[in-house]
Amino acid sequence: MPSPAPPDLPAPVLRTLAMLADASTGVQDSWWLIGGAAAGLHGFQSAIPDVDVVMSARDARQVLSKLDIPPVDDGGTALFRSEVFGRWVEPPLPVEFMGGFQIRTQEVWRPVEPTTRQSFLVDGRIVHAPSRPELIEICRRFGRPKDLARAEALVRLE
């Protein structure tokens, strides 16, 4: 049974998540929100500048094609890279699709594939995020100051 989205999520976030759920209809593999939007669904309200979605490369290609968005080379960073990357700017908040998303830890690239999946109901639609404990672990693994702050805020909510 999906959990209701927190009632205090800002309207632009809720609208963006509803549009994302509609756009992701028909994907074959599991997908997750990560970052600020996922933290918001778990009750931590902070600035959410965009919505980050992790999915398989196959599904990212499918969704981007459906939205008529050409995948771009995300170029990667020293810490993150995606096999398929696309940015959807039609919703109130930009949505970044990261297909085959990876993080570099201990000089090795490792896939970011959550093992838990919590469903949330947003405007009659379902969106997914890792469980709060797994989201905390993911934020800590990312290690950037904003991610570490997000992890600690989520810990305080437990």
C-alpha atoms as a PDB file:
ATOM      1  CA  MET A   1       0.000   0.000   0.000  1.00  0.00           C
ATOM      2  CA  PRO A   2       1.556   3.323  -0.975  1.00  0.00           C
ATOM      3  CA  SER A   3       2.176   5.968   1.660  1.00  0.00           C
ATOM      4  CA  PRO A   4       0.540   9.341   1.073  1.00  0.00           C
ATOM      5  CA  ALA A   5       2.906  12.114   0.046  1.00  0.00           C
ATOM      6  CA  PRO A   6       3.505  14.567   2.900  1.00  0.00           C
ATOM      7  CA  PRO A   7       0.835  17.279   2.714  1.00  0.00           C
ATOM      8  CA  ASP A   8       3.409  20.052   3.079  1.00  0.00           C
ATOM      9  CA  LEU A   9       5.308  19.246  -0.118  1.00  0.00           C
ATOM     10  CA  PRO A  10       5.146  22.371  -2.291  1.00  0.00           C
ATOM     11  CA  ALA A  11       2.653  22.333  -5.175  1.00  0.00           C
ATOM     12  CA  PRO A  12       5.392  22.504  -7.879  1.00  0.00           C
ATOM     13  CA  VAL A  13       7.013  19.374  -6.423  1.00  0.00           C
ATOM     14  CA  LEU A  14       3.703  17.505  -6.303  1.00  0.00           C
ATOM     15  CA  ARG A  15       2.825  18.506  -9.876  1.00  0.00           C
ATOM     16  CA  THR A  16       6.278  17.484 -11.119  1.00  0.00           C
ATOM     17  CA  LEU A  17       6.047  14.103  -9.389  1.00  0.00           C
ATOM     18  CA  ALA A  18       2.585  13.486 -10.867  1.00  0.00           C
ATOM     19  CA  MET A  19       3.898  14.308 -14.352  1.00  0.00           C
ATOM     20  CA  LEU A  20       6.881  11.995 -13.758  1.00  0.00           C
ATOM     21  CA  ALA A  21       4.578   9.147 -12.737  1.00  0.00           C
ATOM     22  CA  ASP A  22       2.572   9.619 -15.931  1.00  0.00           C
ATOM     23  CA  ALA A  23       5.721   9.754 -18.071  1.00  0.00           C
ATOM     24  CA  SER A  24       7.075   6.567 -16.468  1.00  0.00           C
ATOM     25  CA  THR A  25       4.002   4.488 -17.212  1.00  0.00           C
ATOM     26  CA  GLY A  26       5.010   1.363 -19.094  1.00  0.00           C
ATOM     27  CA  VAL A  27       8.645   1.132 -18.027  1.00  0.00           C
ATOM     28  CA  GLN A  28       9.919  -2.408 -17.590  1.00  0.00           C
ATOM     29  CA  ASP A  29      12.265  -2.087 -14.624  1.00  0.00           C
ATOM     30  CA  SER A  30      12.067  -0.523 -11.192  1.00  0.00           C
ATOM     31  CA  TRP A  31      12.865   3.166 -10.868  1.00  0.00           C
ATOM     32  CA  TRP A  32      13.440   5.443  -7.900  1.00  0.00           C
ATOM     33  CA  LEU A  33      13.506   9.082  -6.943  1.00  0.00           C
ATOM     34  CA  ILE A  34      16.676  10.024  -5.118  1.00  0.00           C
ATOM     35  CA  GLY A  35      17.995  13.300  -3.744  1.00  0.00           C
ATOM     36  CA  GLY A  36      15.796  16.135  -2.522  1.00  0.00           C
ATOM     37  CA  ALA A  37      12.507  14.831  -3.919  1.00  0.00           C
ATOM     38  CA  ALA A  38      12.986  11.451  -2.230  1.00  0.00           C
ATOM     39  CA  ALA A  39      13.953  13.152   1.026  1.00  0.00           C
ATOM     40  CA  GLY A  40      10.830  15.307   0.741  1.00  0.00           C
ATOM     41  CA  LEU A  41       8.648  12.226   0.375  1.00  0.00           C
ATOM     42  CA  HIS A  42      10.233  10.876   3.556  1.00  0.00           C
ATOM     43  CA  GLY A  43       9.370  14.086   5.401  1.00  0.00           C
ATOM     44  CA  PHE A  44      12.489  16.250   5.095  1.00  0.00           C
ATOM     45  CA  GLN A  45      11.530  19.547   3.557  1.00  0.00           C
ATOM     46  CA  SER A  46      14.390  21.410   1.976  1.00  0.00           C
ATOM     47  CA  ALA A  47      14.942  23.280  -1.249  1.00  0.00           C
ATOM     48  CA  ILE A  48      14.261  20.890  -4.128  1.00  0.00           C
ATOM     49  CA  PRO A  49      15.817  22.478  -7.223  1.00  0.00           C
ATOM     50  CA  ASP A  50      15.168  19.471  -9.450  1.00  0.00           C
ATOM     51  CA  VAL A  51      13.911  15.903  -9.379  1.00  0.00           C
ATOM     52  CA  ASP A  52      16.430  13.082  -9.809  1.00  0.00           C
ATOM     53  CA  VAL A  53      15.273   9.724 -11.182  1.00  0.00           C
ATOM     54  CA  VAL A  54      17.401   6.572 -11.288  1.00  0.00           C
ATOM     55  CA  MET A  55      16.291   3.868 -13.711  1.00  0.00           C
ATOM     56  CA  SER A  56      17.693   1.302 -16.086  1.00  0.00           C
ATOM     57  CA  ALA A  57      19.366   2.602 -19.239  1.00  0.00           C
ATOM     58  CA  ARG A  58      16.696   0.815 -21.312  1.00  0.00           C
ATOM     59  CA  ASP A  59      13.852   2.544 -19.459  1.00  0.00           C
ATOM     60  CA  ALA A  60      15.591   5.927 -19.531  1.00  0.00           C
ATOM     61  CA  ARG A  61      15.857   5.648 -23.317  1.00  0.00           C
ATOM     62  CA  GLN A  62      12.166   4.663 -23.524  1.00  0.00           C
ATOM     63  CA  VAL A  63      10.924   7.531 -21.316  1.00  0.00           C
ATOM     64  CA  LEU A  64      13.129  10.125 -23.006  1.00  0.00           C
ATOM     65  CA  SER A  65      11.919   8.959 -26.423  1.00  0.00           C
ATOM     66  CA  LYS A  66       8.285   9.136 -25.265  1.00  0.00           C
ATOM     67  CA  LEU A  67       8.907  12.715 -24.076  1.00  0.00           C
ATOM     68  CA  ASP A  68      10.748  13.572 -27.315  1.00  0.00           C
ATOM     69  CA  ILE A  69      13.925  14.398 -25.387  1.00  0.00           C
ATOM     70  CA  PRO A  70      17.197  13.332 -26.985  1.00  0.00           C
ATOM     71  CA  PRO A  71      19.558  11.695 -24.499  1.00  0.00           C
ATOM     72  CA  VAL A  72      22.705  13.721 -23.946  1.00  0.00           C
ATOM     73  CA  ASP A  73      26.178  12.746 -22.902  1.00  0.00           C
ATOM     74  CA  ASP A  74      26.160  13.785 -19.277  1.00  0.00           C
ATOM     75  CA  GLY A  75      29.945  13.936 -19.406  1.00  0.00           C
ATOM     76  CA  GLY A  76      30.052  12.489 -15.932  1.00  0.00           C
ATOM     77  CA  THR A  77      32.090  13.863 -13.075  1.00  0.00           C
ATOM     78  CA  ALA A  78      34.813  12.421 -10.928  1.00  0.00           C
ATOM     79  CA  LEU A  79      32.039  11.053  -8.693  1.00  0.00           C
ATOM     80  CA  PHE A  80      28.972  10.318 -10.888  1.00  0.00           C
ATOM     81  CA  ARG A  81      28.138   9.139 -14.393  1.00  0.00           C
ATOM     82  CA  SER A  82      25.132   7.774 -16.292  1.00  0.00           C
ATOM     83  CA  GLU A  83      24.922   5.551 -19.339  1.00  0.00           C
ATOM     84  CA  VAL A  84      21.845   7.520 -20.457  1.00  0.00           C
ATOM     85  CA  PHE A  85      21.041  11.033 -19.269  1.00  0.00           C
ATOM     86  CA  GLY A  86      18.242  13.415 -20.116  1.00  0.00           C
ATOM     87  CA  ARG A  87      16.703  16.514 -18.605  1.00  0.00           C
ATOM     88  CA  TRP A  88      12.951  17.186 -18.879  1.00  0.00           C
ATOM     89  CA  VAL A  89      12.148  20.860 -18.407  1.00  0.00           C
ATOM     90  CA  GLU A  90       8.395  20.885 -19.127  1.00  0.00           C
ATOM     91  CA  PRO A  91       7.289  20.203 -15.499  1.00  0.00           C
ATOM     92  CA  PRO A  92       7.414  22.960 -12.858  1.00  0.00           C
ATOM     93  CA  LEU A  93      10.759  21.526 -11.677  1.00  0.00           C
ATOM     94  CA  PRO A  94      13.332  20.018 -14.052  1.00  0.00           C
ATOM     95  CA  VAL A  95      13.505  16.214 -13.976  1.00  0.00           C
ATOM     96  CA  GLU A  96      16.850  14.507 -14.545  1.00  0.00           C
ATOM     97  CA  PHE A  97      16.641  10.928 -15.798  1.00  0.00           C
ATOM     98  CA  MET A  98      19.762   8.912 -15.042  1.00  0.00           C
ATOM     99  CA  GLY A  99      19.815   5.537 -16.736  1.00  0.00           C
ATOM    100  CA  GLY A 100      22.551   3.175 -15.615  1.00  0.00           C
ATOM    101  CA  PHE A 101      23.620   5.654 -12.906  1.00  0.00           C
ATOM    102  CA  GLN A 102      26.963   4.957 -11.199  1.00  0.00           C
ATOM    103  CA  ILE A 103      29.062   6.383  -8.390  1.00  0.00           C
ATOM    104  CA  ARG A 104      32.803   6.102  -8.040  1.00  0.00           C
ATOM    105  CA  THR A 105      33.917   4.696  -4.701  1.00  0.00           C
ATOM    106  CA  GLN A 106      37.392   3.510  -3.854  1.00  0.00           C
ATOM    107  CA  GLU A 107      38.484   4.100  -7.474  1.00  0.00           C
ATOM    108  CA  VAL A 108      35.780   1.720  -8.785  1.00  0.00           C
ATOM    109  CA  TRP A 109      32.551   2.634 -10.593  1.00  0.00           C
ATOM    110  CA  ARG A 110      29.556   1.007  -8.886  1.00  0.00           C
ATOM    111  CA  PRO A 111      25.917   1.066  -9.992  1.00  0.00           C
ATOM    112  CA  VAL A 112      23.426   2.981  -7.879  1.00  0.00           C
ATOM    113  CA  GLU A 113      20.584   0.468  -7.749  1.00  0.00           C
ATOM    114  CA  PRO A 114      18.538   0.692  -4.575  1.00  0.00           C
ATOM    115  CA  THR A 115      17.372  -2.616  -3.151  1.00  0.00           C
ATOM    116  CA  THR A 116      14.318  -1.221  -1.372  1.00  0.00           C
ATOM    117  CA  ARG A 117      11.388   0.535  -2.991  1.00  0.00           C
ATOM    118  CA  GLN A 118       8.816   2.508  -1.076  1.00  0.00           C
ATOM    119  CA  SER A 119       5.793   3.730  -3.000  1.00  0.00           C
ATOM    120  CA  PHE A 120       4.133   7.090  -2.394  1.00  0.00           C
ATOM    121  CA  LEU A 121       0.759   8.311  -3.619  1.00  0.00           C
ATOM    122  CA  VAL A 122       0.908  11.713  -5.305  1.00  0.00           C
ATOM    123  CA  ASP A 123      -2.267  13.112  -6.843  1.00  0.00           C
ATOM    124  CA  GLY A 124      -3.609   9.606  -7.469  1.00  0.00           C
ATOM    125  CA  ARG A 125      -0.344   8.386  -8.985  1.00  0.00           C
ATOM    126  CA  ILE A 126       2.467   6.230  -7.636  1.00  0.00           C
ATOM    127  CA  VAL A 127       6.101   7.323  -7.374  1.00  0.00           C
ATOM    128  CA  HIS A 128       8.938   5.382  -5.768  1.00  0.00           C
ATOM    129  CA  ALA A 129      11.916   6.090  -3.539  1.00  0.00           C
ATOM    130  CA  PRO A 130      14.319   3.938  -1.571  1.00  0.00           C
ATOM    131  CA  SER A 131      13.331   3.282   2.029  1.00  0.00           C
ATOM    132  CA  ARG A 132      14.436   5.995   4.437  1.00  0.00           C
ATOM    133  CA  PRO A 133      17.363   3.902   5.817  1.00  0.00           C
ATOM    134  CA  GLU A 134      18.591   3.107   2.319  1.00  0.00           C
ATOM    135  CA  LEU A 135      18.182   6.718   1.203  1.00  0.00           C
ATOM    136  CA  ILE A 136      20.298   7.776   4.196  1.00  0.00           C
ATOM    137  CA  GLU A 137      22.985   5.293   3.139  1.00  0.00           C
ATOM    138  CA  ILE A 138      22.873   6.526  -0.466  1.00  0.00           C
ATOM    139  CA  CYS A 139      23.210  10.160   0.644  1.00  0.00           C
ATOM    140  CA  ARG A 140      26.171   9.256   2.835  1.00  0.00           C
ATOM    141  CA  ARG A 141      27.789   7.333  -0.018  1.00  0.00           C
ATOM    142  CA  PHE A 142      27.428  10.386  -2.279  1.00  0.00           C
ATOM    143  CA  GLY A 143      29.376  12.272   0.379  1.00  0.00           C
ATOM    144  CA  ARG A 144      28.788  15.822  -0.842  1.00  0.00           C
ATOM    145  CA  PRO A 145      27.948  18.376   1.869  1.00  0.00           C
ATOM    146  CA  LYS A 146      24.312  18.704   0.712  1.00  0.00           C
ATOM    147  CA  ASP A 147      23.907  14.915   0.697  1.00  0.00           C
ATOM    148  CA  LEU A 148      25.462  14.502   4.140  1.00  0.00           C
ATOM    149  CA  ALA A 149      23.186  17.228   5.527  1.00  0.00           C
ATOM    150  CA  ARG A 150      20.188  15.501   3.924  1.00  0.00           C
ATOM    151  CA  ALA A 151      21.239  12.164   5.474  1.00  0.00           C
ATOM    152  CA  GLU A 152      21.534  13.677   8.949  1.00  0.00           C
ATOM    153  CA  ALA A 153      18.140  15.390   8.626  1.00  0.00           C
ATOM    154  CA  LEU A 154      16.583  12.068   7.606  1.00  0.00           C
ATOM    155  CA  VAL A 155      18.228  10.340  10.592  1.00  0.00           C
ATOM    156  CA  ARG A 156      16.652  12.914  12.927  1.00  0.00           C
ATOM    157  CA  LEU A 157      13.225  12.020  11.505  1.00  0.00           C
ATOM    158  CA  GLU A 158      13.538   8.355  12.470  1.00  0.00           C
END
